[in-house]
Amino acid sequence: MINRAEQLLIKKTNNIFIQLFRYTFVGGIAFLFDFGSLYLLTEKLHVYYLISAAGAFLAGLLVNYYLSIVWVFENRSNKSKQMEFIIFALIGIIALGFNEFFIWFFTEKIRIYYLYSKLISTIIVYLWNFFIRKLVLFR
């Protein structure tokens, strides 16, 4: 049992299922930063929700990057950490565009509360981020 837990949680791995499992936790932590920042900026500081969503998303992006390189992905396709972060961020910026669109669409067109729209957007963007980053950066 210890070996399975160690393999799942501690050892470096290239197993895509273990990476997806870990990425789910990383995404959850990044989501807490993102969602919490969105709520605080919008509800407490009265920042327009789409501006809050962008800033909060970027905070989550930084958390996601750090945890992804430390815990999720072993192989790195790019030797330059600066270039790797730039590509990681570019993928994140595309994801930010998806995030903004889906939050706007579900809030303005479907008339769902913006925090619920964020939840829906998160699921879609989570899948995009994992598979594109795995394919481009961490083969």
N, C-alpha and C. Protein backbone atom coordinates (compact mmCIF):
# COMPACT_ATOMS: atom_id res chain seq x y z
N MET A 1 0.82 -1.20 0.00
CA MET A 1 0.00 0.00 0.00
C MET A 1 0.86 1.26 0.00
N ILE A 2 1.96 1.24 0.76
CA ILE A 2 2.85 2.39 0.82
C ILE A 2 3.44 2.66 -0.56
N ASN A 3 3.81 1.60 -1.28
CA ASN A 3 4.40 1.77 -2.61
C ASN A 3 3.44 2.46 -3.57
N ARG A 4 2.17 2.10 -3.53
CA ARG A 4 1.18 2.73 -4.41
C ARG A 4 0.99 4.20 -4.05
N ALA A 5 0.87 4.47 -2.76
CA ALA A 5 0.71 5.86 -2.32
C ALA A 5 1.95 6.68 -2.67
N GLU A 6 3.11 6.07 -2.47
CA GLU A 6 4.37 6.75 -2.79
C GLU A 6 4.45 7.05 -4.29
N GLN A 7 4.06 6.08 -5.10
CA GLN A 7 4.09 6.26 -6.54
C GLN A 7 3.08 7.33 -6.97
N LEU A 8 1.93 7.32 -6.36
CA LEU A 8 0.88 8.26 -6.71
C LEU A 8 1.19 9.68 -6.25
N LEU A 9 1.82 9.82 -5.09
CA LEU A 9 1.97 11.14 -4.49
C LEU A 9 3.40 11.69 -4.45
N ILE A 10 4.40 10.82 -4.46
CA ILE A 10 5.75 11.31 -4.20
C ILE A 10 6.70 11.13 -5.37
N LYS A 11 6.82 9.94 -5.88
CA LYS A 11 7.82 9.65 -6.90
C LYS A 11 7.55 10.40 -8.20
N LYS A 12 8.64 10.77 -8.87
CA LYS A 12 8.53 11.36 -10.20
C LYS A 12 7.94 10.30 -11.13
N THR A 13 7.13 10.74 -12.08
CA THR A 13 6.48 9.79 -12.97
C THR A 13 6.19 10.42 -14.32
N ASN A 14 6.12 9.58 -15.32
CA ASN A 14 5.67 9.98 -16.65
C ASN A 14 4.33 9.35 -16.99
N ASN A 15 3.75 8.64 -16.04
CA ASN A 15 2.46 8.00 -16.23
C ASN A 15 1.38 9.08 -16.34
N ILE A 16 0.72 9.13 -17.49
CA ILE A 16 -0.24 10.21 -17.75
C ILE A 16 -1.42 10.18 -16.77
N PHE A 17 -1.80 9.00 -16.30
CA PHE A 17 -2.93 8.91 -15.36
C PHE A 17 -2.54 9.46 -13.99
N ILE A 18 -1.34 9.17 -13.56
CA ILE A 18 -0.86 9.72 -12.29
C ILE A 18 -0.67 11.23 -12.43
N GLN A 19 -0.15 11.67 -13.57
CA GLN A 19 0.00 13.10 -13.80
C GLN A 19 -1.35 13.81 -13.82
N LEU A 20 -2.33 13.19 -14.46
CA LEU A 20 -3.67 13.79 -14.48
C LEU A 20 -4.25 13.85 -13.06
N PHE A 21 -4.04 12.80 -12.27
CA PHE A 21 -4.47 12.78 -10.87
C PHE A 21 -3.82 13.93 -10.11
N ARG A 22 -2.51 14.07 -10.24
CA ARG A 22 -1.80 15.14 -9.54
C ARG A 22 -2.22 16.51 -10.05
N TYR A 23 -2.39 16.61 -11.38
CA TYR A 23 -2.79 17.89 -11.97
C TYR A 23 -4.17 18.31 -11.47
N THR A 24 -4.99 17.35 -11.15
CA THR A 24 -6.31 17.65 -10.60
C THR A 24 -6.15 18.33 -9.23
N PHE A 25 -5.25 17.82 -8.41
CA PHE A 25 -4.98 18.47 -7.12
C PHE A 25 -4.38 19.85 -7.30
N VAL A 26 -3.39 19.94 -8.20
CA VAL A 26 -2.77 21.23 -8.48
C VAL A 26 -3.82 22.21 -8.99
N GLY A 27 -4.65 21.74 -9.90
CA GLY A 27 -5.73 22.58 -10.42
C GLY A 27 -6.68 23.02 -9.32
N GLY A 28 -6.93 22.11 -8.37
CA GLY A 28 -7.81 22.46 -7.24
C GLY A 28 -7.22 23.55 -6.38
N ILE A 29 -5.94 23.46 -6.12
CA ILE A 29 -5.27 24.50 -5.32
C ILE A 29 -5.25 25.82 -6.08
N ALA A 30 -4.90 25.76 -7.36
CA ALA A 30 -4.89 26.97 -8.18
C ALA A 30 -6.31 27.55 -8.28
N PHE A 31 -7.30 26.67 -8.38
CA PHE A 31 -8.69 27.11 -8.43
C PHE A 31 -9.08 27.85 -7.15
N LEU A 32 -8.64 27.38 -6.01
CA LEU A 32 -8.94 28.08 -4.75
C LEU A 32 -8.39 29.50 -4.76
N PHE A 33 -7.17 29.67 -5.27
CA PHE A 33 -6.61 31.02 -5.40
C PHE A 33 -7.42 31.84 -6.38
N ASP A 34 -7.73 31.25 -7.52
CA ASP A 34 -8.47 31.91 -8.59
C ASP A 34 -9.87 32.31 -8.12
N PHE A 35 -10.62 31.34 -7.64
CA PHE A 35 -12.01 31.57 -7.23
C PHE A 35 -12.08 32.52 -6.04
N GLY A 36 -11.18 32.31 -5.07
CA GLY A 36 -11.16 33.19 -3.89
C GLY A 36 -10.83 34.62 -4.26
N SER A 37 -9.87 34.79 -5.16
CA SER A 37 -9.52 36.15 -5.62
C SER A 37 -10.66 36.78 -6.40
N LEU A 38 -11.32 35.99 -7.24
CA LEU A 38 -12.47 36.49 -8.00
C LEU A 38 -13.55 36.99 -7.05
N TYR A 39 -13.85 36.20 -6.05
CA TYR A 39 -14.88 36.59 -5.08
C TYR A 39 -14.47 37.86 -4.33
N LEU A 40 -13.25 37.88 -3.81
CA LEU A 40 -12.80 39.04 -3.04
C LEU A 40 -12.76 40.31 -3.88
N LEU A 41 -12.20 40.20 -5.07
CA LEU A 41 -12.11 41.38 -5.93
C LEU A 41 -13.49 41.90 -6.33
N THR A 42 -14.38 40.99 -6.66
CA THR A 42 -15.71 41.39 -7.14
C THR A 42 -16.62 41.82 -5.99
N GLU A 43 -16.74 40.99 -4.98
CA GLU A 43 -17.70 41.25 -3.90
C GLU A 43 -17.23 42.26 -2.87
N LYS A 44 -15.96 42.22 -2.54
CA LYS A 44 -15.45 43.07 -1.46
C LYS A 44 -14.83 44.36 -1.98
N LEU A 45 -14.15 44.29 -3.12
CA LEU A 45 -13.50 45.48 -3.68
C LEU A 45 -14.30 46.10 -4.82
N HIS A 46 -15.39 45.46 -5.21
CA HIS A 46 -16.32 45.97 -6.22
C HIS A 46 -15.68 46.21 -7.59
N VAL A 47 -14.78 45.31 -7.96
CA VAL A 47 -14.17 45.34 -9.29
C VAL A 47 -15.12 44.60 -10.23
N TYR A 48 -15.28 45.11 -11.45
CA TYR A 48 -16.14 44.48 -12.44
C TYR A 48 -15.73 43.01 -12.60
N TYR A 49 -16.70 42.10 -12.64
CA TYR A 49 -16.43 40.67 -12.56
C TYR A 49 -15.51 40.14 -13.65
N LEU A 50 -15.55 40.68 -14.87
CA LEU A 50 -14.66 40.18 -15.92
C LEU A 50 -13.21 40.63 -15.70
N ILE A 51 -13.03 41.81 -15.14
CA ILE A 51 -11.68 42.27 -14.78
C ILE A 51 -11.17 41.44 -13.60
N SER A 52 -12.03 41.22 -12.61
CA SER A 52 -11.66 40.37 -11.48
C SER A 52 -11.27 38.97 -11.95
N ALA A 53 -12.05 38.45 -12.89
CA ALA A 53 -11.79 37.10 -13.39
C ALA A 53 -10.42 37.00 -14.04
N ALA A 54 -10.03 38.03 -14.76
CA ALA A 54 -8.72 38.03 -15.42
C ALA A 54 -7.59 38.06 -14.39
N GLY A 55 -7.67 38.96 -13.43
CA GLY A 55 -6.64 39.05 -12.40
C GLY A 55 -6.55 37.79 -11.55
N ALA A 56 -7.70 37.27 -11.19
CA ALA A 56 -7.74 36.05 -10.37
C ALA A 56 -7.18 34.86 -11.15
N PHE A 57 -7.51 34.78 -12.42
CA PHE A 57 -7.01 33.71 -13.27
C PHE A 57 -5.48 33.73 -13.32
N LEU A 58 -4.90 34.92 -13.44
CA LEU A 58 -3.45 35.04 -13.50
C LEU A 58 -2.79 34.60 -12.18
N ALA A 59 -3.43 34.90 -11.06
CA ALA A 59 -2.92 34.43 -9.76
C ALA A 59 -2.93 32.90 -9.72
N GLY A 60 -4.00 32.31 -10.18
CA GLY A 60 -4.10 30.85 -10.26
C GLY A 60 -3.08 30.26 -11.21
N LEU A 61 -2.78 30.97 -12.30
CA LEU A 61 -1.80 30.52 -13.28
C LEU A 61 -0.41 30.37 -12.64
N LEU A 62 -0.03 31.35 -11.84
CA LEU A 62 1.28 31.29 -11.18
C LEU A 62 1.37 30.11 -10.21
N VAL A 63 0.32 29.91 -9.44
CA VAL A 63 0.28 28.77 -8.52
C VAL A 63 0.35 27.46 -9.30
N ASN A 64 -0.41 27.39 -10.37
CA ASN A 64 -0.45 26.19 -11.20
C ASN A 64 0.92 25.89 -11.80
N TYR A 65 1.60 26.89 -12.31
CA TYR A 65 2.91 26.68 -12.92
C TYR A 65 3.90 26.11 -11.90
N TYR A 66 3.98 26.75 -10.78
CA TYR A 66 4.95 26.31 -9.77
C TYR A 66 4.68 24.86 -9.35
N LEU A 67 3.45 24.56 -9.01
CA LEU A 67 3.14 23.20 -8.56
C LEU A 67 3.27 22.17 -9.67
N SER A 68 2.99 22.56 -10.90
CA SER A 68 3.12 21.64 -12.03
C SER A 68 4.57 21.23 -12.26
N ILE A 69 5.48 22.19 -12.19
CA ILE A 69 6.88 21.82 -12.45
C ILE A 69 7.51 21.11 -11.26
N VAL A 70 7.01 21.36 -10.06
CA VAL A 70 7.57 20.73 -8.87
C VAL A 70 7.02 19.32 -8.66
N TRP A 71 5.73 19.11 -8.96
CA TRP A 71 5.09 17.87 -8.54
C TRP A 71 4.46 17.04 -9.66
N VAL A 72 3.96 17.67 -10.71
CA VAL A 72 3.16 16.92 -11.70
C VAL A 72 4.01 16.34 -12.82
N PHE A 73 4.72 17.19 -13.51
CA PHE A 73 5.40 16.77 -14.74
C PHE A 73 6.89 16.58 -14.51
N GLU A 74 7.39 15.41 -14.87
CA GLU A 74 8.81 15.13 -14.71
C GLU A 74 9.61 15.62 -15.92
N ASN A 75 9.20 15.20 -17.10
CA ASN A 75 9.93 15.57 -18.31
C ASN A 75 9.56 16.98 -18.73
N ARG A 76 10.57 17.71 -19.13
CA ARG A 76 10.37 19.07 -19.60
C ARG A 76 10.92 19.16 -21.01
N SER A 77 10.08 19.57 -21.94
CA SER A 77 10.47 19.61 -23.35
C SER A 77 11.42 20.76 -23.65
N ASN A 78 11.39 21.79 -22.83
CA ASN A 78 12.18 22.97 -23.07
C ASN A 78 13.24 23.11 -21.99
N LYS A 79 14.48 23.26 -22.38
CA LYS A 79 15.58 23.37 -21.41
C LYS A 79 15.60 24.73 -20.71
N SER A 80 15.14 25.76 -21.38
CA SER A 80 15.13 27.10 -20.80
C SER A 80 13.89 27.28 -19.93
N LYS A 81 14.11 27.54 -18.65
CA LYS A 81 12.97 27.74 -17.75
C LYS A 81 12.20 29.00 -18.10
N GLN A 82 12.90 30.01 -18.60
CA GLN A 82 12.22 31.24 -19.00
C GLN A 82 11.29 30.97 -20.19
N MET A 83 11.82 30.24 -21.19
CA MET A 83 11.00 29.93 -22.36
C MET A 83 9.84 29.02 -21.97
N GLU A 84 10.12 28.07 -21.09
CA GLU A 84 9.07 27.18 -20.61
C GLU A 84 7.94 27.99 -19.96
N PHE A 85 8.31 28.94 -19.10
CA PHE A 85 7.27 29.75 -18.45
C PHE A 85 6.53 30.60 -19.47
N ILE A 86 7.22 31.14 -20.45
CA ILE A 86 6.56 31.95 -21.48
C ILE A 86 5.53 31.10 -22.22
N ILE A 87 5.92 29.88 -22.61
CA ILE A 87 4.98 29.00 -23.31
C ILE A 87 3.83 28.61 -22.38
N PHE A 88 4.16 28.27 -21.13
CA PHE A 88 3.14 27.93 -20.13
C PHE A 88 2.16 29.10 -20.00
N ALA A 89 2.69 30.33 -19.92
CA ALA A 89 1.85 31.52 -19.78
C ALA A 89 1.02 31.77 -21.03
N LEU A 90 1.61 31.55 -22.22
CA LEU A 90 0.85 31.73 -23.46
C LEU A 90 -0.33 30.77 -23.53
N ILE A 91 -0.09 29.53 -23.14
CA ILE A 91 -1.20 28.57 -23.07
C ILE A 91 -2.23 29.08 -22.07
N GLY A 92 -1.75 29.61 -20.96
CA GLY A 92 -2.64 30.17 -19.95
C GLY A 92 -3.41 31.38 -20.45
N ILE A 93 -2.78 32.20 -21.29
CA ILE A 93 -3.47 33.37 -21.84
C ILE A 93 -4.60 32.93 -22.77
N ILE A 94 -4.34 31.89 -23.57
CA ILE A 94 -5.42 31.34 -24.40
C ILE A 94 -6.53 30.82 -23.50
N ALA A 95 -6.14 30.12 -22.43
CA ALA A 95 -7.12 29.63 -21.47
C ALA A 95 -7.86 30.79 -20.81
N LEU A 96 -7.16 31.88 -20.55
CA LEU A 96 -7.80 33.08 -19.99
C LEU A 96 -8.87 33.59 -20.94
N GLY A 97 -8.57 33.58 -22.24
CA GLY A 97 -9.57 33.98 -23.23
C GLY A 97 -10.80 33.08 -23.17
N PHE A 98 -10.57 31.77 -23.08
CA PHE A 98 -11.70 30.84 -22.92
C PHE A 98 -12.46 31.14 -21.64
N ASN A 99 -11.72 31.33 -20.56
CA ASN A 99 -12.31 31.61 -19.25
C ASN A 99 -13.20 32.86 -19.32
N GLU A 100 -12.68 33.92 -19.87
CA GLU A 100 -13.44 35.18 -19.97
C GLU A 100 -14.69 34.98 -20.83
N PHE A 101 -14.51 34.30 -21.97
CA PHE A 101 -15.65 34.07 -22.85
C PHE A 101 -16.74 33.26 -22.16
N PHE A 102 -16.35 32.14 -21.54
CA PHE A 102 -17.35 31.28 -20.92
C PHE A 102 -18.03 31.96 -19.73
N ILE A 103 -17.28 32.69 -18.93
CA ILE A 103 -17.91 33.41 -17.81
C ILE A 103 -18.88 34.45 -18.35
N TRP A 104 -18.45 35.22 -19.35
CA TRP A 104 -19.33 36.22 -19.95
C TRP A 104 -20.57 35.56 -20.55
N PHE A 105 -20.34 34.52 -21.35
CA PHE A 105 -21.45 33.85 -22.04
C PHE A 105 -22.48 33.31 -21.05
N PHE A 106 -22.03 32.55 -20.06
CA PHE A 106 -22.98 31.96 -19.12
C PHE A 106 -23.63 33.01 -18.22
N THR A 107 -22.90 34.09 -17.91
CA THR A 107 -23.46 35.13 -17.05
C THR A 107 -24.41 36.04 -17.82
N GLU A 108 -23.96 36.53 -18.96
CA GLU A 108 -24.75 37.52 -19.71
C GLU A 108 -25.82 36.90 -20.60
N LYS A 109 -25.52 35.80 -21.24
CA LYS A 109 -26.46 35.22 -22.21
C LYS A 109 -27.37 34.16 -21.59
N ILE A 110 -26.84 33.34 -20.71
CA ILE A 110 -27.64 32.28 -20.10
C ILE A 110 -28.22 32.75 -18.77
N ARG A 111 -27.67 33.83 -18.24
CA ARG A 111 -28.15 34.48 -16.99
C ARG A 111 -27.87 33.63 -15.75
N ILE A 112 -26.67 33.05 -15.71
CA ILE A 112 -26.23 32.30 -14.54
C ILE A 112 -25.37 33.22 -13.68
N TYR A 113 -25.48 33.11 -12.39
CA TYR A 113 -24.67 33.89 -11.45
C TYR A 113 -23.20 33.72 -11.81
N TYR A 114 -22.42 34.80 -11.78
CA TYR A 114 -21.06 34.77 -12.29
C TYR A 114 -20.16 33.73 -11.62
N LEU A 115 -20.37 33.45 -10.34
CA LEU A 115 -19.55 32.43 -9.67
C LEU A 115 -19.89 31.02 -10.18
N TYR A 116 -21.13 30.78 -10.53
CA TYR A 116 -21.50 29.50 -11.14
C TYR A 116 -20.93 29.40 -12.55
N SER A 117 -20.95 30.53 -13.26
CA SER A 117 -20.34 30.56 -14.59
C SER A 117 -18.86 30.22 -14.51
N LYS A 118 -18.21 30.72 -13.46
CA LYS A 118 -16.79 30.43 -13.25
C LYS A 118 -16.58 28.94 -13.04
N LEU A 119 -17.45 28.28 -12.31
CA LEU A 119 -17.33 26.84 -12.08
C LEU A 119 -17.42 26.06 -13.40
N ILE A 120 -18.35 26.43 -14.24
CA ILE A 120 -18.49 25.76 -15.54
C ILE A 120 -17.25 26.00 -16.39
N SER A 121 -16.81 27.24 -16.42
CA SER A 121 -15.62 27.60 -17.19
C SER A 121 -14.39 26.83 -16.70
N THR A 122 -14.28 26.66 -15.41
CA THR A 122 -13.12 25.98 -14.82
C THR A 122 -12.98 24.56 -15.34
N ILE A 123 -14.07 23.85 -15.46
CA ILE A 123 -14.02 22.47 -15.95
C ILE A 123 -13.49 22.43 -17.39
N ILE A 124 -13.98 23.29 -18.22
CA ILE A 124 -13.56 23.33 -19.62
C ILE A 124 -12.09 23.72 -19.73
N VAL A 125 -11.71 24.76 -19.02
CA VAL A 125 -10.35 25.28 -19.10
C VAL A 125 -9.35 24.30 -18.47
N TYR A 126 -9.75 23.61 -17.44
CA TYR A 126 -8.90 22.59 -16.79
C TYR A 126 -8.45 21.54 -17.81
N LEU A 127 -9.39 21.03 -18.59
CA LEU A 127 -9.06 20.00 -19.58
C LEU A 127 -8.15 20.55 -20.67
N TRP A 128 -8.44 21.74 -21.15
CA TRP A 128 -7.59 22.40 -22.14
C TRP A 128 -6.16 22.52 -21.60
N ASN A 129 -6.02 23.07 -20.41
CA ASN A 129 -4.69 23.32 -19.85
C ASN A 129 -3.88 22.04 -19.69
N PHE A 130 -4.47 21.01 -19.14
CA PHE A 130 -3.71 19.77 -18.91
C PHE A 130 -3.21 19.19 -20.22
N PHE A 131 -4.10 18.97 -21.16
CA PHE A 131 -3.71 18.26 -22.36
C PHE A 131 -2.78 19.08 -23.26
N ILE A 132 -2.99 20.37 -23.36
CA ILE A 132 -2.10 21.20 -24.18
C ILE A 132 -0.73 21.31 -23.52
N ARG A 133 -0.69 21.52 -22.22
CA ARG A 133 0.61 21.61 -21.53
C ARG A 133 1.35 20.29 -21.59
N LYS A 134 0.66 19.20 -21.43
CA LYS A 134 1.28 17.88 -21.52
C LYS A 134 1.86 17.69 -22.93
N LEU A 135 1.11 18.03 -23.94
CA LEU A 135 1.54 17.85 -25.32
C LEU A 135 2.70 18.78 -25.70
N VAL A 136 2.63 20.03 -25.30
CA VAL A 136 3.60 21.03 -25.74
C VAL A 136 4.82 21.12 -24.84
N LEU A 137 4.62 21.08 -23.53
CA LEU A 137 5.72 21.36 -22.60
C LEU A 137 6.31 20.16 -21.89
N PHE A 138 5.50 19.18 -21.58
CA PHE A 138 5.95 18.13 -20.68
C PHE A 138 5.80 16.73 -21.29
N ARG A 139 6.32 16.57 -22.50
CA ARG A 139 6.24 15.28 -23.20
C ARG A 139 7.13 14.26 -22.55
